[in-house]
Amino acid sequence: MQVFDVAALADQLRSSGELWAEVLRVPAMSAGIYRLAAGAEDPQGPHHEAEIYYVVAGRAVLEVEGERRSVGPGAAIFVEPEVEHRFRHVAEELTLLVVFAPAET
């Protein structure tokens, strides 16, 4: 068993200036914390893996293939592999738990 303190990991990302920290990697999946500051641009592009995002904190608009949806704490989002997506209009610092299946390459 592994237990992750998402708030502590988000604090570490904030102080390091990094956007991503992987916390788990096994062949079937990988997981990590993704953080975007308020007003930040999301630099990510499509991934080869399926993704689930869970919004831990913050508010933004998620755009997936041109469709936009406001997301906030408690939202869980599934994104198919190879689909263009990014977070836009980050109104409050965004902290996300991200799970890739299989593990991100």
PDB file of N, CA and C in Angstrom:
ATOM      1  N   MET A   1       0.847  -1.178   0.000  1.00  0.00           N
ATOM      2  CA  MET A   1       0.000   0.000   0.000  1.00  0.00           C
ATOM      3  C   MET A   1       0.886   1.232   0.000  1.00  0.00           C
ATOM      4  N   GLN A   2       0.421   2.267  -0.710  1.00  0.00           N
ATOM      5  CA  GLN A   2       1.080   3.565  -0.700  1.00  0.00           C
ATOM      6  C   GLN A   2       0.018   4.627  -0.445  1.00  0.00           C
ATOM      7  N   VAL A   3       0.351   5.598   0.360  1.00  0.00           N
ATOM      8  CA  VAL A   3      -0.555   6.706   0.661  1.00  0.00           C
ATOM      9  C   VAL A   3       0.147   7.993   0.252  1.00  0.00           C
ATOM     10  N   PHE A   4      -0.563   8.864  -0.462  1.00  0.00           N
ATOM     11  CA  PHE A   4       0.021  10.094  -0.966  1.00  0.00           C
ATOM     12  C   PHE A   4      -0.674  11.291  -0.338  1.00  0.00           C
ATOM     13  N   ASP A   5       0.096  12.233   0.140  1.00  0.00           N
ATOM     14  CA  ASP A   5      -0.427  13.475   0.703  1.00  0.00           C
ATOM     15  C   ASP A   5      -0.471  14.502  -0.431  1.00  0.00           C
ATOM     16  N   VAL A   6      -1.624  14.615  -1.059  1.00  0.00           N
ATOM     17  CA  VAL A   6      -1.770  15.460  -2.243  1.00  0.00           C
ATOM     18  C   VAL A   6      -1.456  16.917  -1.924  1.00  0.00           C
ATOM     19  N   ALA A   7      -1.916  17.415  -0.789  1.00  0.00           N
ATOM     20  CA  ALA A   7      -1.652  18.819  -0.426  1.00  0.00           C
ATOM     21  C   ALA A   7      -0.153  19.065  -0.273  1.00  0.00           C
ATOM     22  N   ALA A   8       0.561  18.153   0.377  1.00  0.00           N
ATOM     23  CA  ALA A   8       2.009  18.314   0.551  1.00  0.00           C
ATOM     24  C   ALA A   8       2.726  18.252  -0.793  1.00  0.00           C
ATOM     25  N   LEU A   9       2.279  17.348  -1.680  1.00  0.00           N
ATOM     26  CA  LEU A   9       2.893  17.263  -3.006  1.00  0.00           C
ATOM     27  C   LEU A   9       2.637  18.535  -3.818  1.00  0.00           C
ATOM     28  N   ALA A  10       1.441  19.088  -3.708  1.00  0.00           N
ATOM     29  CA  ALA A  10       1.130  20.346  -4.406  1.00  0.00           C
ATOM     30  C   ALA A  10       2.003  21.472  -3.875  1.00  0.00           C
ATOM     31  N   ASP A  11       2.225  21.511  -2.570  1.00  0.00           N
ATOM     32  CA  ASP A  11       3.114  22.524  -1.984  1.00  0.00           C
ATOM     33  C   ASP A  11       4.530  22.383  -2.521  1.00  0.00           C
ATOM     34  N   GLN A  12       5.018  21.140  -2.644  1.00  0.00           N
ATOM     35  CA  GLN A  12       6.359  20.904  -3.187  1.00  0.00           C
ATOM     36  C   GLN A  12       6.452  21.390  -4.633  1.00  0.00           C
ATOM     37  N   LEU A  13       5.413  21.122  -5.421  1.00  0.00           N
ATOM     38  CA  LEU A  13       5.403  21.596  -6.805  1.00  0.00           C
ATOM     39  C   LEU A  13       5.421  23.116  -6.854  1.00  0.00           C
ATOM     40  N   ARG A  14       4.603  23.735  -6.033  1.00  0.00           N
ATOM     41  CA  ARG A  14       4.526  25.194  -5.994  1.00  0.00           C
ATOM     42  C   ARG A  14       5.892  25.800  -5.697  1.00  0.00           C
ATOM     43  N   SER A  15       6.585  25.262  -4.696  1.00  0.00           N
ATOM     44  CA  SER A  15       7.881  25.833  -4.311  1.00  0.00           C
ATOM     45  C   SER A  15       8.973  25.512  -5.325  1.00  0.00           C
ATOM     46  N   SER A  16       8.846  24.401  -6.056  1.00  0.00           N
ATOM     47  CA  SER A  16       9.866  24.042  -7.048  1.00  0.00           C
ATOM     48  C   SER A  16       9.627  24.712  -8.399  1.00  0.00           C
ATOM     49  N   GLY A  17       8.396  25.160  -8.631  1.00  0.00           N
ATOM     50  CA  GLY A  17       8.062  25.745  -9.924  1.00  0.00           C
ATOM     51  C   GLY A  17       7.706  24.700 -10.973  1.00  0.00           C
ATOM     52  N   GLU A  18       7.780  23.432 -10.604  1.00  0.00           N
ATOM     53  CA  GLU A  18       7.419  22.349 -11.528  1.00  0.00           C
ATOM     54  C   GLU A  18       5.896  22.246 -11.630  1.00  0.00           C
ATOM     55  N   LEU A  19       5.421  21.670 -12.737  1.00  0.00           N
ATOM     56  CA  LEU A  19       3.987  21.489 -12.937  1.00  0.00           C
ATOM     57  C   LEU A  19       3.520  20.079 -12.591  1.00  0.00           C
ATOM     58  N   TRP A  20       4.433  19.108 -12.634  1.00  0.00           N
ATOM     59  CA  TRP A  20       4.053  17.695 -12.547  1.00  0.00           C
ATOM     60  C   TRP A  20       4.986  16.942 -11.629  1.00  0.00           C
ATOM     61  N   ALA A  21       4.422  16.037 -10.829  1.00  0.00           N
ATOM     62  CA  ALA A  21       5.217  15.109 -10.021  1.00  0.00           C
ATOM     63  C   ALA A  21       4.546  13.752 -10.078  1.00  0.00           C
ATOM     64  N   GLU A  22       5.250  12.772 -10.607  1.00  0.00           N
ATOM     65  CA  GLU A  22       4.719  11.421 -10.648  1.00  0.00           C
ATOM     66  C   GLU A  22       4.856  10.801  -9.264  1.00  0.00           C
ATOM     67  N   VAL A  23       3.809  10.121  -8.809  1.00  0.00           N
ATOM     68  CA  VAL A  23       3.837   9.508  -7.480  1.00  0.00           C
ATOM     69  C   VAL A  23       3.717   7.985  -7.536  1.00  0.00           C
ATOM     70  N   LEU A  24       3.327   7.446  -8.697  1.00  0.00           N
ATOM     71  CA  LEU A  24       3.130   6.006  -8.813  1.00  0.00           C
ATOM     72  C   LEU A  24       3.385   5.589 -10.248  1.00  0.00           C
ATOM     73  N   ARG A  25       4.092   4.454 -10.409  1.00  0.00           N
ATOM     74  CA  ARG A  25       4.286   3.881 -11.742  1.00  0.00           C
ATOM     75  C   ARG A  25       4.323   2.366 -11.620  1.00  0.00           C
ATOM     76  N   VAL A  26       3.353   1.733 -12.242  1.00  0.00           N
ATOM     77  CA  VAL A  26       3.310   0.292 -12.417  1.00  0.00           C
ATOM     78  C   VAL A  26       2.932   0.074 -13.885  1.00  0.00           C
ATOM     79  N   PRO A  27       3.120  -1.121 -14.430  1.00  0.00           N
ATOM     80  CA  PRO A  27       2.832  -1.281 -15.864  1.00  0.00           C
ATOM     81  C   PRO A  27       1.411  -0.883 -16.270  1.00  0.00           C
ATOM     82  N   ALA A  28       0.431  -1.172 -15.433  1.00  0.00           N
ATOM     83  CA  ALA A  28      -0.964  -0.914 -15.798  1.00  0.00           C
ATOM     84  C   ALA A  28      -1.370   0.551 -15.710  1.00  0.00           C
ATOM     85  N   MET A  29      -0.632   1.359 -14.915  1.00  0.00           N
ATOM     86  CA  MET A  29      -1.011   2.763 -14.752  1.00  0.00           C
ATOM     87  C   MET A  29       0.124   3.551 -14.124  1.00  0.00           C
ATOM     88  N   SER A  30      -0.003   4.857 -14.259  1.00  0.00           N
ATOM     89  CA  SER A  30       0.864   5.774 -13.513  1.00  0.00           C
ATOM     90  C   SER A  30      -0.029   6.894 -13.012  1.00  0.00           C
ATOM     91  N   ALA A  31       0.435   7.574 -11.967  1.00  0.00           N
ATOM     92  CA  ALA A  31      -0.372   8.645 -11.383  1.00  0.00           C
ATOM     93  C   ALA A  31       0.549   9.742 -10.881  1.00  0.00           C
ATOM     94  N   GLY A  32      -0.004  10.931 -10.814  1.00  0.00           N
ATOM     95  CA  GLY A  32       0.775  12.046 -10.308  1.00  0.00           C
ATOM     96  C   GLY A  32      -0.099  13.237 -10.002  1.00  0.00           C
ATOM     97  N   ILE A  33       0.569  14.277  -9.566  1.00  0.00           N
ATOM     98  CA  ILE A  33      -0.088  15.539  -9.235  1.00  0.00           C
ATOM     99  C   ILE A  33       0.324  16.557 -10.287  1.00  0.00           C
ATOM    100  N   TYR A  34      -0.664  17.261 -10.823  1.00  0.00           N
ATOM    101  CA  TYR A  34      -0.436  18.308 -11.819  1.00  0.00           C
ATOM    102  C   TYR A  34      -0.964  19.603 -11.222  1.00  0.00           C
ATOM    103  N   ARG A  35      -0.174  20.669 -11.317  1.00  0.00           N
ATOM    104  CA  ARG A  35      -0.548  21.940 -10.706  1.00  0.00           C
ATOM    105  C   ARG A  35      -0.361  23.067 -11.707  1.00  0.00           C
ATOM    106  N   LEU A  36      -1.360  23.906 -11.832  1.00  0.00           N
ATOM    107  CA  LEU A  36      -1.285  25.103 -12.664  1.00  0.00           C
ATOM    108  C   LEU A  36      -1.661  26.312 -11.817  1.00  0.00           C
ATOM    109  N   ALA A  37      -0.824  27.326 -11.833  1.00  0.00           N
ATOM    110  CA  ALA A  37      -1.099  28.557 -11.102  1.00  0.00           C
ATOM    111  C   ALA A  37      -2.259  29.300 -11.758  1.00  0.00           C
ATOM    112  N   ALA A  38      -2.919  30.138 -10.990  1.00  0.00           N
ATOM    113  CA  ALA A  38      -3.984  30.976 -11.543  1.00  0.00           C
ATOM    114  C   ALA A  38      -3.420  31.791 -12.696  1.00  0.00           C
ATOM    115  N   GLY A  39      -4.143  31.794 -13.806  1.00  0.00           N
ATOM    116  CA  GLY A  39      -3.726  32.539 -14.985  1.00  0.00           C
ATOM    117  C   GLY A  39      -2.722  31.828 -15.865  1.00  0.00           C
ATOM    118  N   ALA A  40      -2.236  30.663 -15.456  1.00  0.00           N
ATOM    119  CA  ALA A  40      -1.209  29.941 -16.221  1.00  0.00           C
ATOM    120  C   ALA A  40      -1.789  29.332 -17.496  1.00  0.00           C
ATOM    121  N   GLU A  41      -0.904  29.132 -18.469  1.00  0.00           N
ATOM    122  CA  GLU A  41      -1.247  28.408 -19.680  1.00  0.00           C
ATOM    123  C   GLU A  41      -0.879  26.947 -19.486  1.00  0.00           C
ATOM    124  N   ASP A  42      -1.735  26.050 -19.898  1.00  0.00           N
ATOM    125  CA  ASP A  42      -1.502  24.617 -19.792  1.00  0.00           C
ATOM    126  C   ASP A  42      -0.712  24.169 -21.026  1.00  0.00           C
ATOM    127  N   PRO A  43       0.540  23.704 -20.842  1.00  0.00           N
ATOM    128  CA  PRO A  43       1.373  23.362 -21.989  1.00  0.00           C
ATOM    129  C   PRO A  43       1.176  21.946 -22.531  1.00  0.00           C
ATOM    130  N   GLN A  44       0.331  21.149 -21.900  1.00  0.00           N
ATOM    131  CA  GLN A  44       0.254  19.745 -22.303  1.00  0.00           C
ATOM    132  C   GLN A  44      -0.411  19.554 -23.655  1.00  0.00           C
ATOM    133  N   GLY A  45      -0.107  18.427 -24.247  1.00  0.00           N
ATOM    134  CA  GLY A  45      -0.737  18.014 -25.489  1.00  0.00           C
ATOM    135  C   GLY A  45      -1.353  16.648 -25.293  1.00  0.00           C
ATOM    136  N   PRO A  46      -1.857  16.051 -26.368  1.00  0.00           N
ATOM    137  CA  PRO A  46      -2.464  14.725 -26.260  1.00  0.00           C
ATOM    138  C   PRO A  46      -1.463  13.686 -25.753  1.00  0.00           C
ATOM    139  N   HIS A  47      -1.975  12.696 -25.069  1.00  0.00           N
ATOM    140  CA  HIS A  47      -1.163  11.600 -24.544  1.00  0.00           C
ATOM    141  C   HIS A  47      -1.555  10.313 -25.257  1.00  0.00           C
ATOM    142  N   HIS A  48      -0.656   9.339 -25.232  1.00  0.00           N
ATOM    143  CA  HIS A  48      -0.936   8.035 -25.836  1.00  0.00           C
ATOM    144  C   HIS A  48      -1.831   7.184 -24.942  1.00  0.00           C
ATOM    145  N   GLU A  49      -2.004   7.586 -23.694  1.00  0.00           N
ATOM    146  CA  GLU A  49      -2.735   6.809 -22.707  1.00  0.00           C
ATOM    147  C   GLU A  49      -4.079   7.466 -22.385  1.00  0.00           C
ATOM    148  N   ALA A  50      -5.010   6.662 -21.886  1.00  0.00           N
ATOM    149  CA  ALA A  50      -6.253   7.210 -21.339  1.00  0.00           C
ATOM    150  C   ALA A  50      -5.903   7.917 -20.033  1.00  0.00           C
ATOM    151  N   GLU A  51      -6.677   8.955 -19.700  1.00  0.00           N
ATOM    152  CA  GLU A  51      -6.407   9.730 -18.477  1.00  0.00           C
ATOM    153  C   GLU A  51      -7.681   9.942 -17.683  1.00  0.00           C
ATOM    154  N   ILE A  52      -7.514   9.952 -16.382  1.00  0.00           N
ATOM    155  CA  ILE A  52      -8.558  10.434 -15.485  1.00  0.00           C
ATOM    156  C   ILE A  52      -7.940  11.566 -14.674  1.00  0.00           C
ATOM    157  N   TYR A  53      -8.615  12.704 -14.675  1.00  0.00           N
ATOM    158  CA  TYR A  53      -8.241  13.844 -13.843  1.00  0.00           C
ATOM    159  C   TYR A  53      -9.245  13.936 -12.706  1.00  0.00           C
ATOM    160  N   TYR A  54      -8.752  14.191 -11.513  1.00  0.00           N
ATOM    161  CA  TYR A  54      -9.616  14.493 -10.385  1.00  0.00           C
ATOM    162  C   TYR A  54      -9.191  15.860  -9.866  1.00  0.00           C
ATOM    163  N   VAL A  55     -10.120  16.814  -9.841  1.00  0.00           N
ATOM    164  CA  VAL A  55      -9.803  18.167  -9.392  1.00  0.00           C
ATOM    165  C   VAL A  55      -9.830  18.188  -7.866  1.00  0.00           C
ATOM    166  N   VAL A  56      -8.653  18.364  -7.287  1.00  0.00           N
ATOM    167  CA  VAL A  56      -8.511  18.431  -5.837  1.00  0.00           C
ATOM    168  C   VAL A  56      -8.846  19.836  -5.354  1.00  0.00           C
ATOM    169  N   ALA A  57      -8.347  20.843  -6.072  1.00  0.00           N
ATOM    170  CA  ALA A  57      -8.566  22.240  -5.685  1.00  0.00           C
ATOM    171  C   ALA A  57      -8.467  23.115  -6.932  1.00  0.00           C
ATOM    172  N   GLY A  58      -9.113  24.268  -6.880  1.00  0.00           N
ATOM    173  CA  GLY A  58      -9.013  25.246  -7.946  1.00  0.00           C
ATOM    174  C   GLY A  58     -10.167  25.197  -8.918  1.00  0.00           C
ATOM    175  N   ARG A  59     -10.132  26.140  -9.858  1.00  0.00           N
ATOM    176  CA  ARG A  59     -11.185  26.249 -10.870  1.00  0.00           C
ATOM    177  C   ARG A  59     -10.559  26.631 -12.198  1.00  0.00           C
ATOM    178  N   ALA A  60     -11.094  26.015 -13.259  1.00  0.00           N
ATOM    179  CA  ALA A  60     -10.613  26.298 -14.611  1.00  0.00           C
ATOM    180  C   ALA A  60     -11.681  25.846 -15.594  1.00  0.00           C
ATOM    181  N   VAL A  61     -11.378  26.028 -16.860  1.00  0.00           N
ATOM    182  CA  VAL A  61     -12.212  25.509 -17.932  1.00  0.00           C
ATOM    183  C   VAL A  61     -11.387  24.445 -18.638  1.00  0.00           C
ATOM    184  N   LEU A  62     -11.951  23.256 -18.793  1.00  0.00           N
ATOM    185  CA  LEU A  62     -11.280  22.193 -19.522  1.00  0.00           C
ATOM    186  C   LEU A  62     -11.822  22.187 -20.943  1.00  0.00           C
ATOM    187  N   GLU A  63     -10.910  22.240 -21.904  1.00  0.00           N
ATOM    188  CA  GLU A  63     -11.296  22.167 -23.309  1.00  0.00           C
ATOM    189  C   GLU A  63     -10.832  20.822 -23.854  1.00  0.00           C
ATOM    190  N   VAL A  64     -11.771  20.047 -24.391  1.00  0.00           N
ATOM    191  CA  VAL A  64     -11.482  18.754 -24.999  1.00  0.00           C
ATOM    192  C   VAL A  64     -12.065  18.776 -26.400  1.00  0.00           C
ATOM    193  N   GLU A  65     -11.167  18.742 -27.398  1.00  0.00           N
ATOM    194  CA  GLU A  65     -11.567  18.778 -28.807  1.00  0.00           C
ATOM    195  C   GLU A  65     -12.586  19.883 -29.079  1.00  0.00           C
ATOM    196  N   GLY A  66     -12.326  21.081 -28.549  1.00  0.00           N
ATOM    197  CA  GLY A  66     -13.174  22.233 -28.802  1.00  0.00           C
ATOM    198  C   GLY A  66     -14.356  22.389 -27.863  1.00  0.00           C
ATOM    199  N   GLU A  67     -14.716  21.352 -27.128  1.00  0.00           N
ATOM    200  CA  GLU A  67     -15.814  21.446 -26.159  1.00  0.00           C
ATOM    201  C   GLU A  67     -15.242  21.936 -24.838  1.00  0.00           C
ATOM    202  N   ARG A  68     -15.900  22.924 -24.227  1.00  0.00           N
ATOM    203  CA  ARG A  68     -15.416  23.508 -22.976  1.00  0.00           C
ATOM    204  C   ARG A  68     -16.386  23.235 -21.839  1.00  0.00           C
ATOM    205  N   ARG A  69     -15.787  22.962 -20.670  1.00  0.00           N
ATOM    206  CA  ARG A  69     -16.594  22.728 -19.479  1.00  0.00           C
ATOM    207  C   ARG A  69     -15.867  23.290 -18.271  1.00  0.00           C
ATOM    208  N   SER A  70     -16.579  24.035 -17.424  1.00  0.00           N
ATOM    209  CA  SER A  70     -16.000  24.535 -16.174  1.00  0.00           C
ATOM    210  C   SER A  70     -15.825  23.364 -15.220  1.00  0.00           C
ATOM    211  N   VAL A  71     -14.667  23.345 -14.543  1.00  0.00           N
ATOM    212  CA  VAL A  71     -14.389  22.277 -13.568  1.00  0.00           C
ATOM    213  C   VAL A  71     -13.894  22.900 -12.279  1.00  0.00           C
ATOM    214  N   GLY A  72     -14.195  22.222 -11.174  1.00  0.00           N
ATOM    215  CA  GLY A  72     -13.766  22.668  -9.858  1.00  0.00           C
ATOM    216  C   GLY A  72     -13.611  21.477  -8.941  1.00  0.00           C
ATOM    217  N   PRO A  73     -13.381  21.721  -7.666  1.00  0.00           N
ATOM    218  CA  PRO A  73     -13.131  20.641  -6.715  1.00  0.00           C
ATOM    219  C   PRO A  73     -14.196  19.550  -6.775  1.00  0.00           C
ATOM    220  N   GLY A  74     -13.716  18.315  -6.827  1.00  0.00           N
ATOM    221  CA  GLY A  74     -14.607  17.167  -6.868  1.00  0.00           C
ATOM    222  C   GLY A  74     -14.922  16.666  -8.261  1.00  0.00           C
ATOM    223  N   ALA A  75     -14.577  17.437  -9.298  1.00  0.00           N
ATOM    224  CA  ALA A  75     -14.848  16.993 -10.666  1.00  0.00           C
ATOM    225  C   ALA A  75     -13.887  15.875 -11.046  1.00  0.00           C
ATOM    226  N   ALA A  76     -14.415  14.858 -11.698  1.00  0.00           N
ATOM    227  CA  ALA A  76     -13.601  13.770 -12.246  1.00  0.00           C
ATOM    228  C   ALA A  76     -13.831  13.754 -13.752  1.00  0.00           C
ATOM    229  N   ILE A  77     -12.747  13.714 -14.510  1.00  0.00           N
ATOM    230  CA  ILE A  77     -12.829  13.843 -15.963  1.00  0.00           C
ATOM    231  C   ILE A  77     -12.071  12.693 -16.609  1.00  0.00           C
ATOM    232  N   PHE A  78     -12.668  12.068 -17.610  1.00  0.00           N
ATOM    233  CA  PHE A  78     -12.001  11.035 -18.391  1.00  0.00           C
ATOM    234  C   PHE A  78     -11.682  11.601 -19.766  1.00  0.00           C
ATOM    235  N   VAL A  79     -10.446  11.396 -20.232  1.00  0.00           N
ATOM    236  CA  VAL A  79     -10.029  11.838 -21.562  1.00  0.00           C
ATOM    237  C   VAL A  79      -9.442  10.635 -22.293  1.00  0.00           C
ATOM    238  N   GLU A  80      -9.971  10.365 -23.465  1.00  0.00           N
ATOM    239  CA  GLU A  80      -9.493   9.263 -24.306  1.00  0.00           C
ATOM    240  C   GLU A  80      -8.049   9.505 -24.760  1.00  0.00           C
ATOM    241  N   PRO A  81      -7.322   8.442 -25.096  1.00  0.00           N
ATOM    242  CA  PRO A  81      -5.967   8.610 -25.634  1.00  0.00           C
ATOM    243  C   PRO A  81      -5.979   9.415 -26.934  1.00  0.00           C
ATOM    244  N   GLU A  82      -4.895  10.164 -27.151  1.00  0.00           N
ATOM    245  CA  GLU A  82      -4.653  10.918 -28.392  1.00  0.00           C
ATOM    246  C   GLU A  82      -5.638  12.060 -28.639  1.00  0.00           C
ATOM    247  N   VAL A  83      -6.411  12.444 -27.634  1.00  0.00           N
ATOM    248  CA  VAL A  83      -7.396  13.515 -27.793  1.00  0.00           C
ATOM    249  C   VAL A  83      -6.786  14.839 -27.326  1.00  0.00           C
ATOM    250  N   GLU A  84      -6.934  15.877 -28.143  1.00  0.00           N
ATOM    251  CA  GLU A  84      -6.437  17.215 -27.803  1.00  0.00           C
ATOM    252  C   GLU A  84      -7.238  17.753 -26.627  1.00  0.00           C
ATOM    253  N   HIS A  85      -6.526  18.197 -25.593  1.00  0.00           N
ATOM    254  CA  HIS A  85      -7.194  18.744 -24.410  1.00  0.00           C
ATOM    255  C   HIS A  85      -6.225  19.626 -23.636  1.00  0.00           C
ATOM    256  N   ARG A  86      -6.779  20.600 -22.915  1.00  0.00           N
ATOM    257  CA  ARG A  86      -5.973  21.423 -22.001  1.00  0.00           C
ATOM    258  C   ARG A  86      -6.903  22.241 -21.121  1.00  0.00           C
ATOM    259  N   PHE A  87      -6.320  22.654 -20.000  1.00  0.00           N
ATOM    260  CA  PHE A  87      -7.048  23.508 -19.068  1.00  0.00           C
ATOM    261  C   PHE A  87      -6.825  24.950 -19.477  1.00  0.00           C
ATOM    262  N   ARG A  88      -7.890  25.722 -19.495  1.00  0.00           N
ATOM    263  CA  ARG A  88      -7.830  27.130 -19.886  1.00  0.00           C
ATOM    264  C   ARG A  88      -8.488  27.971 -18.784  1.00  0.00           C
ATOM    265  N   HIS A  89      -8.229  29.252 -18.825  1.00  0.00           N
ATOM    266  CA  HIS A  89      -8.872  30.190 -17.898  1.00  0.00           C
ATOM    267  C   HIS A  89      -8.772  29.683 -16.450  1.00  0.00           C
ATOM    268  N   VAL A  90      -7.559  29.424 -16.011  1.00  0.00           N
ATOM    269  CA  VAL A  90      -7.328  28.938 -14.650  1.00  0.00           C
ATOM    270  C   VAL A  90      -7.600  30.098 -13.700  1.00  0.00           C
ATOM    271  N   ALA A  91      -8.772  30.071 -13.072  1.00  0.00           N
ATOM    272  CA  ALA A  91      -9.210  31.176 -12.215  1.00  0.00           C
ATOM    273  C   ALA A  91      -8.605  31.095 -10.826  1.00  0.00           C
ATOM    274  N   GLU A  92      -8.420  29.873 -10.332  1.00  0.00           N
ATOM    275  CA  GLU A  92      -7.809  29.620  -9.018  1.00  0.00           C
ATOM    276  C   GLU A  92      -6.782  28.521  -9.219  1.00  0.00           C
ATOM    277  N   GLU A  93      -5.663  28.600  -8.491  1.00  0.00           N
ATOM    278  CA  GLU A  93      -4.629  27.578  -8.637  1.00  0.00           C
ATOM    279  C   GLU A  93      -5.257  26.191  -8.694  1.00  0.00           C
ATOM    280  N   LEU A  94      -4.902  25.444  -9.720  1.00  0.00           N
ATOM    281  CA  LEU A  94      -5.516  24.154  -9.999  1.00  0.00           C
ATOM    282  C   LEU A  94      -4.588  23.028  -9.547  1.00  0.00           C
ATOM    283  N   THR A  95      -5.097  22.134  -8.716  1.00  0.00           N
ATOM    284  CA  THR A  95      -4.370  20.938  -8.288  1.00  0.00           C
ATOM    285  C   THR A  95      -5.178  19.736  -8.733  1.00  0.00           C
ATOM    286  N   LEU A  96      -4.531  18.873  -9.520  1.00  0.00           N
ATOM    287  CA  LEU A  96      -5.197  17.717 -10.099  1.00  0.00           C
ATOM    288  C   LEU A  96      -4.466  16.435  -9.746  1.00  0.00           C
ATOM    289  N   LEU A  97      -5.216  15.406  -9.433  1.00  0.00           N
ATOM    290  CA  LEU A  97      -4.675  14.062  -9.373  1.00  0.00           C
ATOM    291  C   LEU A  97      -4.925  13.467 -10.757  1.00  0.00           C
ATOM    292  N   VAL A  98      -3.868  12.962 -11.390  1.00  0.00           N
ATOM    293  CA  VAL A  98      -3.979  12.449 -12.764  1.00  0.00           C
ATOM    294  C   VAL A  98      -3.567  10.979 -12.765  1.00  0.00           C
ATOM    295  N   VAL A  99      -4.397  10.149 -13.380  1.00  0.00           N
ATOM    296  CA  VAL A  99      -4.108   8.726 -13.526  1.00  0.00           C
ATOM    297  C   VAL A  99      -4.064   8.397 -15.008  1.00  0.00           C
ATOM    298  N   PHE A 100      -2.965   7.800 -15.458  1.00  0.00           N
ATOM    299  CA  PHE A 100      -2.808   7.344 -16.833  1.00  0.00           C
ATOM    300  C   PHE A 100      -2.925   5.822 -16.865  1.00  0.00           C
ATOM    301  N   ALA A 101      -3.615   5.299 -17.894  1.00  0.00           N
ATOM    302  CA  ALA A 101      -3.667   3.845 -18.062  1.00  0.00           C
ATOM    303  C   ALA A 101      -3.507   3.526 -19.539  1.00  0.00           C
ATOM    304  N   PRO A 102      -2.526   2.688 -19.894  1.00  0.00           N
ATOM    305  CA  PRO A 102      -1.442   2.171 -19.050  1.00  0.00           C
ATOM    306  C   PRO A 102      -0.527   3.299 -18.620  1.00  0.00           C
ATOM    307  N   ALA A 103       0.586   2.962 -17.978  1.00  0.00           N
ATOM    308  CA  ALA A 103       1.517   3.980 -17.482  1.00  0.00           C
ATOM    309  C   ALA A 103       1.934   4.921 -18.612  1.00  0.00           C
ATOM    310  N   GLU A 104       2.072   6.203 -18.268  1.00  0.00           N
ATOM    311  CA  GLU A 104       2.450   7.220 -19.253  1.00  0.00           C
ATOM    312  C   GLU A 104       3.813   6.898 -19.837  1.00  0.00           C
ATOM    313  N   THR A 105       3.923   7.088 -21.138  1.00  0.00           N
ATOM    314  CA  THR A 105       5.209   6.865 -21.825  1.00  0.00           C
ATOM    315  C   THR A 105       5.886   8.169 -22.140  1.00  0.00           C
TER     316      THR A 105
END
